Protein backbone atom coordinates (compact mmCIF):
# COMPACT_ATOMS: atom_id res chain seq x y z
CA MET A 1 0.00 0.03 -0.06
CA ARG A 2 1.18 3.38 -0.94
CA SER A 3 1.90 5.74 1.87
CA LEU A 4 0.12 9.14 0.73
CA THR A 5 -0.63 12.25 2.43
CA THR A 6 -2.84 15.00 1.13
CA LEU A 7 -1.22 18.43 1.13
CA ALA A 8 -3.54 20.84 1.49
CA LEU A 9 -1.98 24.45 0.41
CA THR A 10 -4.54 26.80 1.45
CA LEU A 11 -2.97 29.60 -0.08
CA ALA A 12 -5.08 32.48 1.33
CA ALA A 13 -5.35 30.99 4.71
CA LEU A 14 -1.80 29.62 5.10
CA GLY A 15 -0.41 32.91 3.54
CA LEU A 16 0.78 30.30 1.41
CA ALA A 17 4.00 30.80 -5.19
CA ALA A 18 7.36 30.78 -9.65
CA ILE A 19 6.07 32.37 -7.61
CA THR A 20 6.30 35.88 -8.27
CA ALA A 21 4.45 38.38 -6.15
CA ALA A 22 4.29 40.63 -8.92
CA PRO A 23 1.07 39.95 -10.75
CA ILE A 24 0.84 38.57 -14.29
CA ALA A 25 0.43 41.18 -16.96
CA LEU A 26 -2.48 39.88 -19.57
CA ALA A 27 -3.04 40.90 -22.81
CA GLY A 28 -5.90 41.52 -25.11
CA ALA A 29 -9.21 40.61 -23.22
CA CYS A 30 -7.49 39.60 -20.07
CA ALA A 31 -7.10 35.98 -20.69
CA MET A 32 -6.98 33.89 -17.68
CA PRO A 33 -3.47 32.08 -17.23
CA SER A 34 -3.11 28.66 -15.70
CA LEU A 35 -1.30 28.22 -12.60
CA TRP A 36 0.95 25.19 -11.40
CA VAL A 37 2.31 23.75 -8.18
CA ARG A 38 6.03 23.14 -9.18
CA ILE A 39 9.20 22.14 -7.64
CA ALA A 40 11.37 25.40 -7.26
CA ALA A 41 14.89 23.72 -7.76
CA ASP A 42 16.29 22.25 -10.82
CA VAL A 43 16.95 18.61 -11.35
CA THR A 44 20.59 18.97 -10.35
CA HIS A 45 19.76 20.29 -6.93
CA VAL A 46 20.94 17.88 -4.15
CA ILE A 47 18.67 18.18 -1.01
CA PRO A 48 20.30 17.53 2.50
CA SER A 49 18.98 14.36 3.90
CA ASP A 50 16.97 16.18 6.84
CA GLN A 51 15.42 18.65 4.68
CA GLY A 52 12.30 18.99 2.12
CA VAL A 53 11.60 19.64 -1.28
CA LEU A 54 10.65 23.31 -2.10
CA VAL A 55 7.47 24.05 -4.06
CA GLU A 56 5.86 27.34 -5.30
CA VAL A 57 2.78 28.43 -7.36
CA GLY A 58 3.10 30.02 -10.61
CA THR A 59 2.40 30.14 -14.08
CA ASP A 60 5.60 27.92 -15.48
CA PRO A 61 4.70 24.35 -15.87
CA ARG A 62 8.14 23.02 -15.74
CA ARG A 63 8.70 20.89 -12.82
CA ALA A 64 4.91 20.99 -12.37
CA ILE A 65 3.72 18.49 -9.81
CA GLY A 66 0.05 19.46 -10.09
CA PRO A 67 -2.38 22.14 -11.10
CA GLY A 68 -2.65 25.42 -9.00
CA PRO A 69 -5.80 27.39 -8.01
CA ALA A 70 -7.76 29.76 -10.25
CA PRO A 71 -5.60 33.14 -10.46
CA TYR A 72 -8.76 35.13 -10.06
CA SER A 73 -9.97 33.41 -6.78
CA ALA A 74 -9.50 35.51 -3.76
CA GLU A 75 -9.35 32.30 -1.51
CA SER A 76 -8.19 28.91 -3.08
CA ALA A 77 -7.07 25.60 -1.92
CA ILE A 78 -5.11 23.06 -3.70
CA ALA A 79 -4.75 19.41 -2.94
CA VAL A 80 -2.03 17.59 -4.05
CA THR A 81 -1.58 13.74 -2.91
CA ALA A 82 2.23 13.15 -3.13
CA HIS A 83 4.82 10.79 -1.95
CA LEU A 84 8.67 9.91 -2.63
CA ALA A 85 8.99 6.90 -4.78
CA ARG A 86 12.04 4.75 -5.64
CA GLU A 87 12.39 1.35 -7.19
CA GLY A 88 13.20 -1.24 -4.48
CA GLN A 89 12.23 1.27 -1.47
CA PRO A 90 9.15 1.77 0.31
CA ASP A 91 7.15 4.78 -0.78
CA ILE A 92 7.71 7.88 1.77
CA ALA A 93 4.69 10.12 2.77
CA LEU A 94 5.24 13.97 2.29
CA ARG A 95 3.81 16.78 4.81
CA VAL A 96 3.81 20.20 3.88
CA GLU A 97 5.36 22.96 5.65
CA ALA A 98 4.16 26.57 4.83
CA ILE A 99 6.72 29.25 4.21
CA GLY A 100 4.86 32.16 3.04
CA PRO A 101 2.23 32.78 0.64
CA SER A 102 2.36 30.53 -2.32
CA VAL A 103 5.47 28.75 -1.05
CA ALA A 104 5.81 25.73 0.89
CA ARG A 105 8.27 22.52 1.27
CA LEU A 106 7.19 18.84 1.31
CA VAL A 107 8.81 17.19 4.25
CA PRO A 108 9.27 13.31 4.10
CA ALA A 109 8.00 11.41 6.92
CA SER A 110 11.30 9.45 7.25
CA THR A 111 14.78 9.98 5.90
CA PRO A 112 15.43 9.09 2.18
CA ALA A 113 18.29 7.14 1.53
CA PRO A 114 20.65 9.01 -0.55
CA GLY A 115 20.12 9.34 -4.37
CA ARG A 116 17.27 9.90 -6.86
CA TRP A 117 13.50 9.75 -5.81
CA ARG A 118 10.55 10.90 -7.70
CA VAL A 119 7.79 13.14 -6.17
CA VAL A 120 4.83 11.31 -7.29
CA THR A 121 1.09 12.79 -7.55
CA ALA A 122 -1.98 11.41 -9.46
CA THR A 123 -0.73 13.49 -12.72
CA HIS A 124 2.88 14.10 -12.43
CA SER A 125 6.17 12.49 -11.47
CA GLU A 126 9.26 15.00 -10.98
CA GLU A 127 12.71 13.78 -9.92
CA VAL A 128 14.56 15.18 -7.09
CA SER A 129 17.87 13.99 -5.25
CA PHE A 130 18.66 13.57 -1.78
CA GLY A 131 22.03 13.70 -0.05
CA ALA A 132 23.77 11.68 2.57
CA GLN A 133 24.14 14.62 4.98
CA PRO A 134 22.05 16.92 6.90
CA ALA A 135 22.12 20.55 6.00
CA ARG A 136 24.66 22.59 7.49
CA GLY A 137 23.76 25.95 9.50
CA ASN A 138 20.86 27.26 10.36
CA GLY A 139 19.43 28.85 7.04
CA PRO A 140 20.05 32.41 5.56
CA ALA A 141 20.92 34.93 7.62
CA ALA A 142 18.56 37.93 8.73
CA PRO A 143 18.49 40.49 6.00
CA ARG A 144 19.40 44.41 6.86
CA LEU A 145 16.22 46.10 6.21
CA VAL A 146 16.62 49.58 5.56
CA SER A 147 13.20 50.69 4.04
CA VAL A 148 10.05 49.36 2.78
CA THR A 149 8.29 51.79 0.54
CA ARG A 150 4.60 51.60 -0.69
CA THR A 151 3.58 53.43 -4.03
CA GLU A 152 0.28 53.83 -5.72
CA GLN A 153 -0.80 55.66 -8.59
CA SER A 154 -4.19 55.91 -10.57
CA PHE A 155 -4.35 56.98 -14.40
CA PRO A 156 -6.67 56.72 -17.18
CA GLY A 157 -7.08 53.88 -19.40
CA PRO A 158 -9.07 53.01 -22.71
CA ARG A 159 -11.71 51.28 -20.44
CA GLY A 160 -11.78 53.34 -17.53
CA SER A 161 -9.18 54.16 -14.76
CA ASP A 162 -6.37 52.13 -14.12
CA SER A 163 -4.17 51.85 -10.98
CA TYR A 164 -0.59 50.81 -9.99
CA LEU A 165 0.75 49.51 -7.04
CA SER A 166 4.42 48.76 -6.01
CA ILE A 167 5.81 47.75 -2.83
CA SER A 168 9.79 47.81 -2.60
CA ALA A 169 12.20 47.11 -0.21
CA ARG A 170 16.00 48.51 0.27
CA LEU A 171 18.42 46.23 1.92
CA GLY A 172 21.64 47.27 3.76
CA ASP A 173 23.52 44.47 1.86
CA ALA A 174 22.81 42.15 -1.22
CA LEU A 175 21.08 39.10 -0.87
CA PRO A 176 23.62 36.05 -1.12
CA ALA A 177 23.32 33.65 -4.25
CA SER A 178 22.19 30.94 -1.83
CA VAL A 179 18.77 32.81 -1.15
CA ALA A 180 15.72 31.23 -3.20
CA GLY A 181 13.23 33.78 -2.19
CA VAL A 182 12.12 36.23 0.72
CA VAL A 183 8.98 36.68 2.75
CA LEU A 184 7.58 40.09 4.11
CA PHE A 185 5.86 39.73 7.32
CA ALA A 186 3.24 42.17 8.67
CA VAL A 187 3.99 42.54 12.71
CA HIS A 188 1.25 42.86 14.83
CA GLY A 189 2.15 43.11 18.72
CA THR A 190 4.34 40.13 19.36
CA THR A 191 3.62 38.24 16.47
CA ASP A 192 3.88 38.43 12.44
CA ARG A 193 1.95 37.10 9.51
CA ALA A 194 3.55 36.13 6.27
CA ALA A 195 2.01 38.70 3.81
CA ILE A 196 4.17 38.66 0.46
CA THR A 197 6.40 36.17 -0.82
CA GLN A 198 8.83 37.02 -3.81
CA SER A 199 11.25 34.45 -5.44
CA ARG A 200 14.77 34.70 -6.34
CA GLN A 201 13.99 34.63 -10.04
CA SER A 202 11.55 37.34 -9.96
CA LEU A 203 13.63 39.23 -7.54
CA ALA A 204 16.31 39.16 -10.07
CA SER A 205 13.91 40.60 -12.64
CA LEU A 206 12.56 43.14 -10.33
CA HIS A 207 15.76 44.89 -8.97
CA THR A 208 14.80 48.62 -9.19
CA GLY A 209 18.98 49.38 -8.97
CA GLY A 210 21.67 48.84 -6.42
CA ALA A 211 22.72 45.81 -4.75
CA GLY A 212 20.14 46.16 -1.78
CA ALA A 213 17.32 47.35 -3.74
CA LEU A 214 14.29 45.02 -4.74
CA VAL A 215 10.50 44.94 -5.71
CA LEU A 216 8.54 42.73 -3.55
CA PHE A 217 5.13 43.50 -5.18
CA SER A 218 4.10 45.02 -8.35
CA SER A 219 0.78 45.36 -10.00
CA GLY A 220 0.33 45.98 -13.70
CA GLY A 221 -3.00 47.56 -13.80
CA ARG A 222 -6.66 46.11 -14.96
CA CYS A 223 -5.37 43.06 -16.76
CA SER A 224 -2.87 41.69 -14.02
CA VAL A 225 -3.50 38.84 -11.78
CA SER A 226 -2.33 38.81 -8.48
CA LEU A 227 -1.29 35.23 -7.38
CA PRO A 228 -3.36 33.58 -4.67
CA GLY A 229 -2.33 34.38 -0.88
CA GLN A 230 -0.38 37.65 -1.58
CA ASP A 231 -1.57 40.63 0.81
CA PRO A 232 -0.64 43.74 -0.80
CA SER A 233 -2.64 45.76 1.60
CA VAL A 234 0.44 45.28 4.18
CA ARG A 235 0.93 48.63 6.23
CA GLY A 236 2.66 49.71 9.47
CA THR A 237 5.43 47.68 10.86
CA VAL A 238 7.07 44.87 8.69
CA ARG A 239 10.03 42.69 8.52
CA LEU A 240 11.71 40.54 6.02
CA ALA A 241 13.37 36.89 6.22
CA ALA A 242 14.91 34.88 3.38
CA TYR A 243 14.72 31.18 2.63
CA ASP A 244 17.02 28.71 0.59
CA LEU A 245 16.33 25.96 -2.18
CA ASP A 246 15.48 23.60 0.89
CA GLY A 247 12.78 25.77 2.29
CA ARG A 248 14.80 26.79 5.31
CA ILE A 249 13.60 30.28 6.53
CA GLY A 250 16.26 32.33 8.05
CA ALA A 251 16.02 34.66 10.76
CA ARG A 252 13.83 37.92 10.80
CA SER A 253 15.41 41.22 10.05
CA ASN A 254 14.80 44.13 11.88
CA ASP A 255 11.29 46.09 11.93
CA VAL A 256 10.70 48.87 9.86
CA THR A 257 7.59 50.90 9.14
CA VAL A 258 6.01 51.14 5.80
CA THR A 259 6.47 54.65 3.94
CA GLY A 260 4.07 56.01 1.42
CA ALA A 261 0.86 54.14 3.13
CA ASP A 262 -2.19 56.23 3.51
């Protein structure tokens, strides 16, 4: 009997995506794109023996392990039944650990033997590799957060008024190459809540200039689609944390107050 587990990635509720925090710009009549749950790392990445498989939700079907939610839905859940499989070995159940909006990692119920395995679902099968040694260290270092700025603009469009929203951060130091993405947390008293996730791939394409400058969220107007779970309404006190390709989230940064908010 296969060992299966249902991975409920409740994107809005978990604050659980490529992910890109930037909505997808759609042409013409605003056709609806498909979203996928996909493995973030390429097939050459070796996962430490005590870590999990980083997954994200986005429009890129490569390394997909299942369909994602409808992009226009405010609240969506996706259920993926998945396990690790290898010939001659018993299946290993996977459980989900939320990292931030549209990002999670699938953690094996027991330590996989070193080598190649497949993440298997009802519709997909993708190869991953596990190493013989556990991870070193405690994940990415805490970023040094200088500022977070919110910019909102309205302008006339061919079919009525349009609006644009950007949330950008400035860091004291550039993100190291090992960082797979960042999570912006809204601070509420002694607790915080994951509000926005941005992947490393998107960070590279959305740099605003300077080693420590990046865009966390950027809407593109009427035909853009904000991926599920992102909360661009964030205001007040925030902090940032980075995560790596094994889904290890590092220490939180210092707190700053969002500027430019009404």
